[in-house]
Every structure is written in structure tokens, then in C-alpha cells.
Amino acid sequence: MLKTDNFFVTEASIEIIDELIHLFDAYRVFYGQKSNLEAAKSFIQDRFEDDSVILVAVSRKTEKLVGFCQLFTSLSSVSMCEVYILNDLFVLEESRRTGIGSLLMNAAVSFALKKGVKRLKLQTTYNNHAAQMLYKKCGWKQVDFHTYCFTTD
């Protein structure tokens, strides 16, 4: 897929789930959730079988996973086309500011184009300025929609 001298991005497979769940669990902890490797494994396992694509960034030096993004398939009724939702993007703290975020974002766009998907969407919190700067740097445009959420928990 995409690569630099130090990292490359590839599509994750079930064979690396044991390493991937640790990265996914760290992502959830970053967002204030309690660590739960068993639930993380179950969730990721279901994604491989069902409804998402996970792209992983790998260090060439250590061959360890250092980041990931997860794309979920959706549809746009207005545009009558398939849409990818970039729902998750995470880079380990010690690997940040190395270009991995941009590499993952660009890999997501390349993957979507290869699959014929014409639109990718994402959302982030209003105060996540570092992420917003990354998105703009990668050519993503902010749109003026209000996001509402109804939760039952």
C-alpha cells in the first residue's frame, strides 16, 4: 500500500489480531474507556467478518504495529453511492509526529479510490485541534453539518 523509509501501511488480517487488539485497546483507553482486551478481540474479530476494513501502520525497524485506521462502509442516499466512514484513527504516543497519521489518512483515500468509493467522511471532537490540522493537511475539507447523537447508555 503506502510506505516511507520507516513505516508502511497494509490492510490488517485476522492473523495479526493478537497484536492489533492491543493497539485497539490503547485507542479506547485514549478516549477514556477501561481496558478490556477480551471485548476488544471480540469486536475486532467481528469487524473482520463483517463490515469494516482496518489499515495498520507498521514500523520497518521493529515490525510492530504503531497505528491503525478503521473504515466502515455506509451509503449516501442523496448521492446514491457507497461512502467510507473513517471511524477510528490512532497512532501510539511514542510514534506520533513521525508522519504515520498522514500515511494512514492517505492510505485510506487510496484504498477508497481503488474500491471505487467516491467519498470518505469522519468526525472528531471540536477541541481535537491536532487531528483537525492533520485532516486539513491531508486535503480533507470541513463541512457545515450539525451532528446529533441519541444514546441509550
N, C-alpha and C. Protein backbone atom coordinates (compact mmCIF):
# COMPACT_ATOMS: atom_id res chain seq x y z
N MET A 1 0.85 -1.19 0.00
CA MET A 1 0.00 0.00 0.00
C MET A 1 0.89 1.24 0.00
N LEU A 2 0.89 2.04 1.04
CA LEU A 2 1.74 3.23 1.12
C LEU A 2 2.90 2.96 2.07
N LYS A 3 4.03 3.65 1.81
CA LYS A 3 5.20 3.40 2.65
C LYS A 3 6.11 4.61 2.67
N THR A 4 6.93 4.66 3.71
CA THR A 4 8.03 5.61 3.82
C THR A 4 9.27 4.78 4.13
N ASP A 5 10.37 5.44 4.39
CA ASP A 5 11.59 4.71 4.75
C ASP A 5 11.43 3.97 6.08
N ASN A 6 10.58 4.52 6.98
CA ASN A 6 10.48 3.96 8.33
C ASN A 6 9.21 3.16 8.60
N PHE A 7 8.15 3.39 7.81
CA PHE A 7 6.85 2.77 8.07
C PHE A 7 6.18 2.36 6.77
N PHE A 8 5.26 1.41 6.88
CA PHE A 8 4.39 1.10 5.75
C PHE A 8 2.99 0.81 6.27
N VAL A 9 2.01 0.96 5.40
CA VAL A 9 0.62 0.69 5.75
C VAL A 9 0.13 -0.46 4.90
N THR A 10 -0.59 -1.36 5.54
CA THR A 10 -1.16 -2.50 4.85
C THR A 10 -2.53 -2.81 5.44
N GLU A 11 -3.31 -3.57 4.72
CA GLU A 11 -4.61 -3.99 5.24
C GLU A 11 -4.40 -5.08 6.28
N ALA A 12 -5.04 -4.92 7.43
CA ALA A 12 -4.91 -5.90 8.51
C ALA A 12 -5.64 -7.19 8.14
N SER A 13 -5.17 -8.27 8.72
CA SER A 13 -5.83 -9.56 8.54
C SER A 13 -6.00 -10.21 9.90
N ILE A 14 -6.81 -11.22 9.93
CA ILE A 14 -7.11 -11.92 11.18
C ILE A 14 -5.84 -12.51 11.80
N GLU A 15 -4.83 -12.78 11.00
CA GLU A 15 -3.59 -13.38 11.50
C GLU A 15 -2.86 -12.48 12.50
N ILE A 16 -3.10 -11.17 12.45
CA ILE A 16 -2.39 -10.26 13.37
C ILE A 16 -3.30 -9.75 14.49
N ILE A 17 -4.42 -10.42 14.70
CA ILE A 17 -5.41 -9.91 15.66
C ILE A 17 -4.83 -9.75 17.06
N ASP A 18 -3.95 -10.64 17.48
CA ASP A 18 -3.42 -10.54 18.85
C ASP A 18 -2.62 -9.26 19.06
N GLU A 19 -1.88 -8.83 18.05
CA GLU A 19 -1.16 -7.56 18.16
C GLU A 19 -2.11 -6.38 17.97
N LEU A 20 -3.04 -6.54 17.05
CA LEU A 20 -3.98 -5.46 16.75
C LEU A 20 -4.88 -5.11 17.94
N ILE A 21 -5.30 -6.11 18.70
CA ILE A 21 -6.21 -5.80 19.82
C ILE A 21 -5.52 -4.93 20.88
N HIS A 22 -4.22 -5.07 21.04
CA HIS A 22 -3.51 -4.22 22.00
C HIS A 22 -3.50 -2.77 21.52
N LEU A 23 -3.34 -2.57 20.23
CA LEU A 23 -3.38 -1.23 19.66
C LEU A 23 -4.79 -0.65 19.76
N PHE A 24 -5.80 -1.47 19.44
CA PHE A 24 -7.19 -1.03 19.53
C PHE A 24 -7.58 -0.72 20.97
N ASP A 25 -7.11 -1.53 21.91
CA ASP A 25 -7.40 -1.28 23.32
C ASP A 25 -6.76 0.03 23.78
N ALA A 26 -5.54 0.30 23.35
CA ALA A 26 -4.86 1.57 23.69
C ALA A 26 -5.65 2.76 23.13
N TYR A 27 -6.20 2.60 21.95
CA TYR A 27 -7.05 3.64 21.34
C TYR A 27 -8.27 3.92 22.22
N ARG A 28 -8.93 2.87 22.67
CA ARG A 28 -10.12 3.03 23.51
C ARG A 28 -9.76 3.69 24.85
N VAL A 29 -8.64 3.28 25.43
CA VAL A 29 -8.19 3.88 26.69
C VAL A 29 -7.89 5.36 26.48
N PHE A 30 -7.30 5.72 25.34
CA PHE A 30 -7.03 7.12 25.00
C PHE A 30 -8.31 7.95 25.06
N TYR A 31 -9.43 7.33 24.66
CA TYR A 31 -10.72 8.02 24.68
C TYR A 31 -11.51 7.77 25.96
N GLY A 32 -10.83 7.38 27.03
CA GLY A 32 -11.45 7.33 28.34
C GLY A 32 -12.17 6.04 28.69
N GLN A 33 -12.02 5.01 27.89
CA GLN A 33 -12.66 3.73 28.19
C GLN A 33 -11.71 2.87 29.03
N LYS A 34 -12.28 1.93 29.74
CA LYS A 34 -11.46 0.99 30.51
C LYS A 34 -10.88 -0.07 29.57
N SER A 35 -9.66 -0.48 29.88
CA SER A 35 -9.03 -1.54 29.09
C SER A 35 -9.86 -2.82 29.19
N ASN A 36 -10.05 -3.48 28.05
CA ASN A 36 -10.79 -4.72 28.02
C ASN A 36 -10.36 -5.50 26.78
N LEU A 37 -9.28 -6.24 26.91
CA LEU A 37 -8.71 -6.97 25.77
C LEU A 37 -9.65 -8.02 25.21
N GLU A 38 -10.39 -8.67 26.08
CA GLU A 38 -11.32 -9.71 25.62
C GLU A 38 -12.42 -9.10 24.73
N ALA A 39 -13.01 -8.01 25.17
CA ALA A 39 -14.05 -7.34 24.37
C ALA A 39 -13.45 -6.76 23.10
N ALA A 40 -12.22 -6.22 23.20
CA ALA A 40 -11.55 -5.67 22.02
C ALA A 40 -11.34 -6.76 20.97
N LYS A 41 -10.92 -7.93 21.41
CA LYS A 41 -10.71 -9.03 20.46
C LYS A 41 -12.01 -9.44 19.80
N SER A 42 -13.06 -9.55 20.58
CA SER A 42 -14.36 -9.92 20.03
C SER A 42 -14.85 -8.88 19.01
N PHE A 43 -14.70 -7.61 19.36
CA PHE A 43 -15.15 -6.54 18.47
C PHE A 43 -14.36 -6.56 17.16
N ILE A 44 -13.04 -6.65 17.25
CA ILE A 44 -12.20 -6.65 16.05
C ILE A 44 -12.44 -7.90 15.21
N GLN A 45 -12.59 -9.04 15.86
CA GLN A 45 -12.87 -10.28 15.14
C GLN A 45 -14.15 -10.15 14.32
N ASP A 46 -15.18 -9.58 14.91
CA ASP A 46 -16.44 -9.37 14.20
C ASP A 46 -16.27 -8.42 13.02
N ARG A 47 -15.40 -7.43 13.14
CA ARG A 47 -15.18 -6.48 12.04
C ARG A 47 -14.54 -7.18 10.85
N PHE A 48 -13.63 -8.11 11.10
CA PHE A 48 -13.01 -8.85 10.00
C PHE A 48 -14.04 -9.66 9.24
N GLU A 49 -15.04 -10.14 9.94
CA GLU A 49 -16.04 -10.99 9.32
C GLU A 49 -17.16 -10.21 8.68
N ASP A 50 -17.26 -8.90 8.96
CA ASP A 50 -18.49 -8.24 8.64
C ASP A 50 -18.35 -6.93 7.86
N ASP A 51 -17.98 -5.86 8.52
CA ASP A 51 -18.34 -4.55 7.99
C ASP A 51 -17.27 -3.48 7.99
N SER A 52 -16.01 -3.85 8.10
CA SER A 52 -15.01 -2.79 8.08
C SER A 52 -13.70 -3.28 7.47
N VAL A 53 -12.87 -2.31 7.18
CA VAL A 53 -11.51 -2.56 6.72
C VAL A 53 -10.60 -1.85 7.71
N ILE A 54 -9.58 -2.54 8.17
CA ILE A 54 -8.63 -1.95 9.10
C ILE A 54 -7.27 -1.88 8.40
N LEU A 55 -6.74 -0.67 8.35
CA LEU A 55 -5.42 -0.45 7.79
C LEU A 55 -4.46 -0.23 8.96
N VAL A 56 -3.30 -0.86 8.91
CA VAL A 56 -2.34 -0.74 10.00
C VAL A 56 -1.03 -0.16 9.49
N ALA A 57 -0.44 0.67 10.35
CA ALA A 57 0.90 1.20 10.09
C ALA A 57 1.89 0.33 10.85
N VAL A 58 2.95 -0.07 10.16
CA VAL A 58 3.94 -0.98 10.72
C VAL A 58 5.32 -0.32 10.66
N SER A 59 6.05 -0.42 11.75
CA SER A 59 7.43 0.08 11.79
C SER A 59 8.33 -0.90 11.02
N ARG A 60 9.10 -0.39 10.10
CA ARG A 60 10.04 -1.25 9.36
C ARG A 60 11.16 -1.74 10.28
N LYS A 61 11.53 -0.93 11.27
CA LYS A 61 12.63 -1.27 12.17
C LYS A 61 12.25 -2.39 13.13
N THR A 62 11.06 -2.27 13.77
CA THR A 62 10.67 -3.24 14.79
C THR A 62 9.65 -4.26 14.30
N GLU A 63 9.04 -4.00 13.14
CA GLU A 63 7.96 -4.83 12.58
C GLU A 63 6.74 -4.88 13.50
N LYS A 64 6.59 -3.87 14.35
CA LYS A 64 5.46 -3.77 15.26
C LYS A 64 4.42 -2.80 14.70
N LEU A 65 3.17 -3.01 15.08
CA LEU A 65 2.10 -2.08 14.71
C LEU A 65 2.26 -0.80 15.51
N VAL A 66 2.16 0.34 14.84
CA VAL A 66 2.31 1.63 15.52
C VAL A 66 1.08 2.52 15.34
N GLY A 67 0.13 2.10 14.51
CA GLY A 67 -1.08 2.88 14.30
C GLY A 67 -2.06 2.12 13.44
N PHE A 68 -3.29 2.62 13.42
CA PHE A 68 -4.31 2.00 12.57
C PHE A 68 -5.40 3.00 12.25
N CYS A 69 -6.15 2.70 11.21
CA CYS A 69 -7.41 3.39 10.96
C CYS A 69 -8.42 2.34 10.53
N GLN A 70 -9.67 2.61 10.82
CA GLN A 70 -10.73 1.67 10.51
C GLN A 70 -11.79 2.37 9.66
N LEU A 71 -12.10 1.76 8.53
CA LEU A 71 -13.10 2.30 7.61
C LEU A 71 -14.34 1.42 7.65
N PHE A 72 -15.49 2.06 7.85
CA PHE A 72 -16.76 1.37 7.81
C PHE A 72 -17.51 1.77 6.55
N THR A 73 -18.18 0.83 5.95
CA THR A 73 -18.95 1.10 4.75
C THR A 73 -20.32 1.66 5.13
N SER A 74 -20.73 2.69 4.41
CA SER A 74 -22.05 3.28 4.57
C SER A 74 -22.55 3.65 3.18
N LEU A 75 -23.72 4.23 3.14
CA LEU A 75 -24.31 4.66 1.87
C LEU A 75 -24.80 6.09 1.97
N SER A 76 -24.77 6.80 0.86
CA SER A 76 -25.37 8.12 0.76
C SER A 76 -26.59 8.02 -0.14
N SER A 77 -27.76 8.26 0.42
CA SER A 77 -28.98 8.22 -0.38
C SER A 77 -29.02 9.37 -1.38
N VAL A 78 -28.60 10.55 -0.95
CA VAL A 78 -28.62 11.72 -1.83
C VAL A 78 -27.70 11.52 -3.03
N SER A 79 -26.48 11.07 -2.77
CA SER A 79 -25.51 10.86 -3.85
C SER A 79 -25.66 9.49 -4.51
N MET A 80 -26.45 8.63 -3.89
CA MET A 80 -26.66 7.26 -4.36
C MET A 80 -25.33 6.56 -4.61
N CYS A 81 -24.48 6.59 -3.58
CA CYS A 81 -23.18 5.93 -3.71
C CYS A 81 -22.73 5.39 -2.37
N GLU A 82 -21.73 4.52 -2.45
CA GLU A 82 -21.12 3.99 -1.25
C GLU A 82 -20.19 5.04 -0.66
N VAL A 83 -20.12 5.07 0.66
CA VAL A 83 -19.29 6.03 1.40
C VAL A 83 -18.49 5.23 2.42
N TYR A 84 -17.25 5.63 2.64
CA TYR A 84 -16.49 5.07 3.75
C TYR A 84 -16.48 6.09 4.89
N ILE A 85 -16.69 5.59 6.08
CA ILE A 85 -16.58 6.41 7.27
C ILE A 85 -15.29 6.02 7.97
N LEU A 86 -14.39 6.99 8.05
CA LEU A 86 -13.14 6.75 8.77
C LEU A 86 -13.47 6.98 10.24
N ASN A 87 -13.80 5.89 10.91
CA ASN A 87 -14.32 5.97 12.26
C ASN A 87 -13.22 6.05 13.31
N ASP A 88 -12.10 5.40 13.05
CA ASP A 88 -11.04 5.31 14.05
C ASP A 88 -9.70 5.61 13.39
N LEU A 89 -8.91 6.42 14.05
CA LEU A 89 -7.54 6.70 13.63
C LEU A 89 -6.72 6.84 14.91
N PHE A 90 -5.66 6.06 15.01
CA PHE A 90 -4.86 6.09 16.23
C PHE A 90 -3.41 5.77 15.91
N VAL A 91 -2.52 6.51 16.56
CA VAL A 91 -1.09 6.27 16.48
C VAL A 91 -0.56 6.22 17.91
N LEU A 92 0.25 5.22 18.20
CA LEU A 92 0.84 5.13 19.54
C LEU A 92 1.58 6.42 19.87
N GLU A 93 1.50 6.83 21.13
CA GLU A 93 2.06 8.11 21.55
C GLU A 93 3.54 8.25 21.16
N GLU A 94 4.31 7.19 21.36
CA GLU A 94 5.75 7.28 21.06
C GLU A 94 6.05 7.35 19.56
N SER A 95 5.04 7.12 18.73
CA SER A 95 5.22 7.17 17.28
C SER A 95 4.56 8.38 16.63
N ARG A 96 3.99 9.24 17.44
CA ARG A 96 3.35 10.44 16.89
C ARG A 96 4.39 11.43 16.38
N ARG A 97 3.95 12.31 15.51
CA ARG A 97 4.78 13.34 14.89
C ARG A 97 5.89 12.74 14.02
N THR A 98 5.58 11.59 13.44
CA THR A 98 6.53 10.94 12.53
C THR A 98 5.94 10.79 11.13
N GLY A 99 4.73 11.28 10.92
CA GLY A 99 4.08 11.16 9.61
C GLY A 99 3.15 9.98 9.48
N ILE A 100 3.00 9.19 10.54
CA ILE A 100 2.16 8.00 10.46
C ILE A 100 0.68 8.37 10.27
N GLY A 101 0.22 9.42 10.95
CA GLY A 101 -1.17 9.84 10.78
C GLY A 101 -1.47 10.19 9.33
N SER A 102 -0.60 10.97 8.71
CA SER A 102 -0.76 11.32 7.30
C SER A 102 -0.70 10.07 6.41
N LEU A 103 0.23 9.19 6.73
CA LEU A 103 0.37 7.96 5.95
C LEU A 103 -0.92 7.14 6.00
N LEU A 104 -1.51 7.02 7.19
CA LEU A 104 -2.77 6.28 7.34
C LEU A 104 -3.92 6.98 6.61
N MET A 105 -3.99 8.30 6.73
CA MET A 105 -5.05 9.06 6.05
C MET A 105 -4.95 8.87 4.53
N ASN A 106 -3.73 8.99 4.01
CA ASN A 106 -3.53 8.84 2.57
C ASN A 106 -3.79 7.41 2.12
N ALA A 107 -3.46 6.44 2.95
CA ALA A 107 -3.74 5.04 2.63
C ALA A 107 -5.25 4.80 2.57
N ALA A 108 -6.00 5.44 3.48
CA ALA A 108 -7.46 5.29 3.47
C ALA A 108 -8.04 5.85 2.17
N VAL A 109 -7.54 7.00 1.75
CA VAL A 109 -8.02 7.59 0.49
C VAL A 109 -7.66 6.69 -0.69
N SER A 110 -6.43 6.20 -0.73
CA SER A 110 -6.00 5.30 -1.81
C SER A 110 -6.85 4.04 -1.85
N PHE A 111 -7.11 3.48 -0.67
CA PHE A 111 -7.93 2.27 -0.59
C PHE A 111 -9.33 2.53 -1.14
N ALA A 112 -9.90 3.65 -0.74
CA ALA A 112 -11.25 4.00 -1.20
C ALA A 112 -11.28 4.19 -2.72
N LEU A 113 -10.31 4.90 -3.25
CA LEU A 113 -10.27 5.12 -4.70
C LEU A 113 -10.13 3.80 -5.45
N LYS A 114 -9.30 2.92 -4.93
CA LYS A 114 -9.11 1.60 -5.54
C LYS A 114 -10.42 0.80 -5.57
N LYS A 115 -11.24 0.99 -4.54
CA LYS A 115 -12.53 0.28 -4.44
C LYS A 115 -13.66 1.02 -5.17
N GLY A 116 -13.36 2.20 -5.72
CA GLY A 116 -14.39 2.96 -6.44
C GLY A 116 -15.29 3.78 -5.54
N VAL A 117 -14.92 3.94 -4.27
CA VAL A 117 -15.71 4.74 -3.34
C VAL A 117 -15.37 6.21 -3.57
N LYS A 118 -16.38 7.04 -3.71
CA LYS A 118 -16.17 8.43 -4.09
C LYS A 118 -16.12 9.40 -2.91
N ARG A 119 -16.47 8.96 -1.71
CA ARG A 119 -16.49 9.87 -0.58
C ARG A 119 -16.08 9.15 0.70
N LEU A 120 -15.26 9.84 1.46
CA LEU A 120 -14.90 9.40 2.81
C LEU A 120 -15.35 10.48 3.77
N LYS A 121 -15.80 10.07 4.94
CA LYS A 121 -16.25 11.01 5.96
C LYS A 121 -15.61 10.65 7.29
N LEU A 122 -15.47 11.65 8.13
CA LEU A 122 -15.04 11.41 9.50
C LEU A 122 -15.56 12.54 10.36
N GLN A 123 -15.51 12.35 11.65
CA GLN A 123 -15.82 13.42 12.58
C GLN A 123 -14.90 13.31 13.77
N THR A 124 -14.67 14.44 14.38
CA THR A 124 -13.83 14.48 15.56
C THR A 124 -14.41 15.52 16.52
N THR A 125 -13.94 15.51 17.73
CA THR A 125 -14.43 16.48 18.70
C THR A 125 -13.97 17.88 18.30
N TYR A 126 -14.74 18.86 18.69
CA TYR A 126 -14.46 20.24 18.30
C TYR A 126 -13.12 20.74 18.84
N ASN A 127 -12.62 20.14 19.92
CA ASN A 127 -11.38 20.62 20.52
C ASN A 127 -10.16 19.75 20.20
N ASN A 128 -10.29 18.82 19.28
CA ASN A 128 -9.16 17.97 18.89
C ASN A 128 -8.43 18.68 17.74
N HIS A 129 -7.72 19.74 18.10
CA HIS A 129 -7.08 20.60 17.10
C HIS A 129 -5.95 19.89 16.34
N ALA A 130 -5.23 19.02 17.02
CA ALA A 130 -4.15 18.29 16.34
C ALA A 130 -4.71 17.44 15.21
N ALA A 131 -5.81 16.73 15.49
CA ALA A 131 -6.44 15.90 14.46
C ALA A 131 -6.98 16.78 13.32
N GLN A 132 -7.60 17.89 13.67
CA GLN A 132 -8.15 18.78 12.65
C GLN A 132 -7.05 19.30 11.73
N MET A 133 -5.90 19.64 12.30
CA MET A 133 -4.78 20.11 11.48
C MET A 133 -4.30 18.99 10.53
N LEU A 134 -4.26 17.77 11.03
CA LEU A 134 -3.87 16.63 10.20
C LEU A 134 -4.84 16.47 9.04
N TYR A 135 -6.14 16.50 9.32
CA TYR A 135 -7.14 16.31 8.27
C TYR A 135 -7.01 17.36 7.18
N LYS A 136 -6.85 18.62 7.60
CA LYS A 136 -6.69 19.70 6.63
C LYS A 136 -5.41 19.52 5.82
N LYS A 137 -4.33 19.14 6.48
CA LYS A 137 -3.05 18.91 5.81
C LYS A 137 -3.18 17.82 4.75
N CYS A 138 -4.03 16.84 5.01
CA CYS A 138 -4.22 15.72 4.09
C CYS A 138 -5.26 16.02 3.01
N GLY A 139 -5.78 17.24 3.00
CA GLY A 139 -6.71 17.64 1.94
C GLY A 139 -8.19 17.43 2.23
N TRP A 140 -8.52 17.07 3.46
CA TRP A 140 -9.92 16.89 3.82
C TRP A 140 -10.53 18.27 4.08
N LYS A 141 -11.80 18.44 3.74
CA LYS A 141 -12.50 19.71 3.92
C LYS A 141 -13.54 19.58 5.03
N GLN A 142 -13.61 20.63 5.85
CA GLN A 142 -14.62 20.68 6.90
C GLN A 142 -15.96 21.06 6.27
N VAL A 143 -17.00 20.33 6.62
CA VAL A 143 -18.34 20.64 6.13
C VAL A 143 -19.19 21.16 7.29
N ASP A 144 -20.19 21.90 6.96
CA ASP A 144 -21.01 22.55 7.99
C ASP A 144 -22.28 21.77 8.26
N PHE A 145 -22.13 20.62 8.90
CA PHE A 145 -23.28 19.84 9.34
C PHE A 145 -23.26 19.81 10.86
N HIS A 146 -24.42 19.83 11.45
CA HIS A 146 -24.52 19.62 12.89
C HIS A 146 -24.66 18.13 13.13
N THR A 147 -23.94 17.62 14.08
CA THR A 147 -24.01 16.20 14.41
C THR A 147 -24.81 16.06 15.69
N TYR A 148 -25.81 15.20 15.64
CA TYR A 148 -26.63 14.90 16.81
C TYR A 148 -26.49 13.42 17.11
N CYS A 149 -26.64 13.08 18.36
CA CYS A 149 -26.50 11.69 18.77
C CYS A 149 -27.54 11.37 19.83
N PHE A 150 -28.14 10.22 19.71
CA PHE A 150 -29.05 9.72 20.73
C PHE A 150 -28.45 8.43 21.24
N THR A 151 -28.20 8.35 22.52
CA THR A 151 -27.64 7.13 23.08
C THR A 151 -28.58 6.56 24.13
N THR A 152 -28.48 5.28 24.32
CA THR A 152 -29.33 4.61 25.30
C THR A 152 -28.55 4.17 26.53
N ASP A 153 -27.27 4.56 26.60
CA ASP A 153 -26.48 4.15 27.77
C ASP A 153 -26.26 5.28 28.72
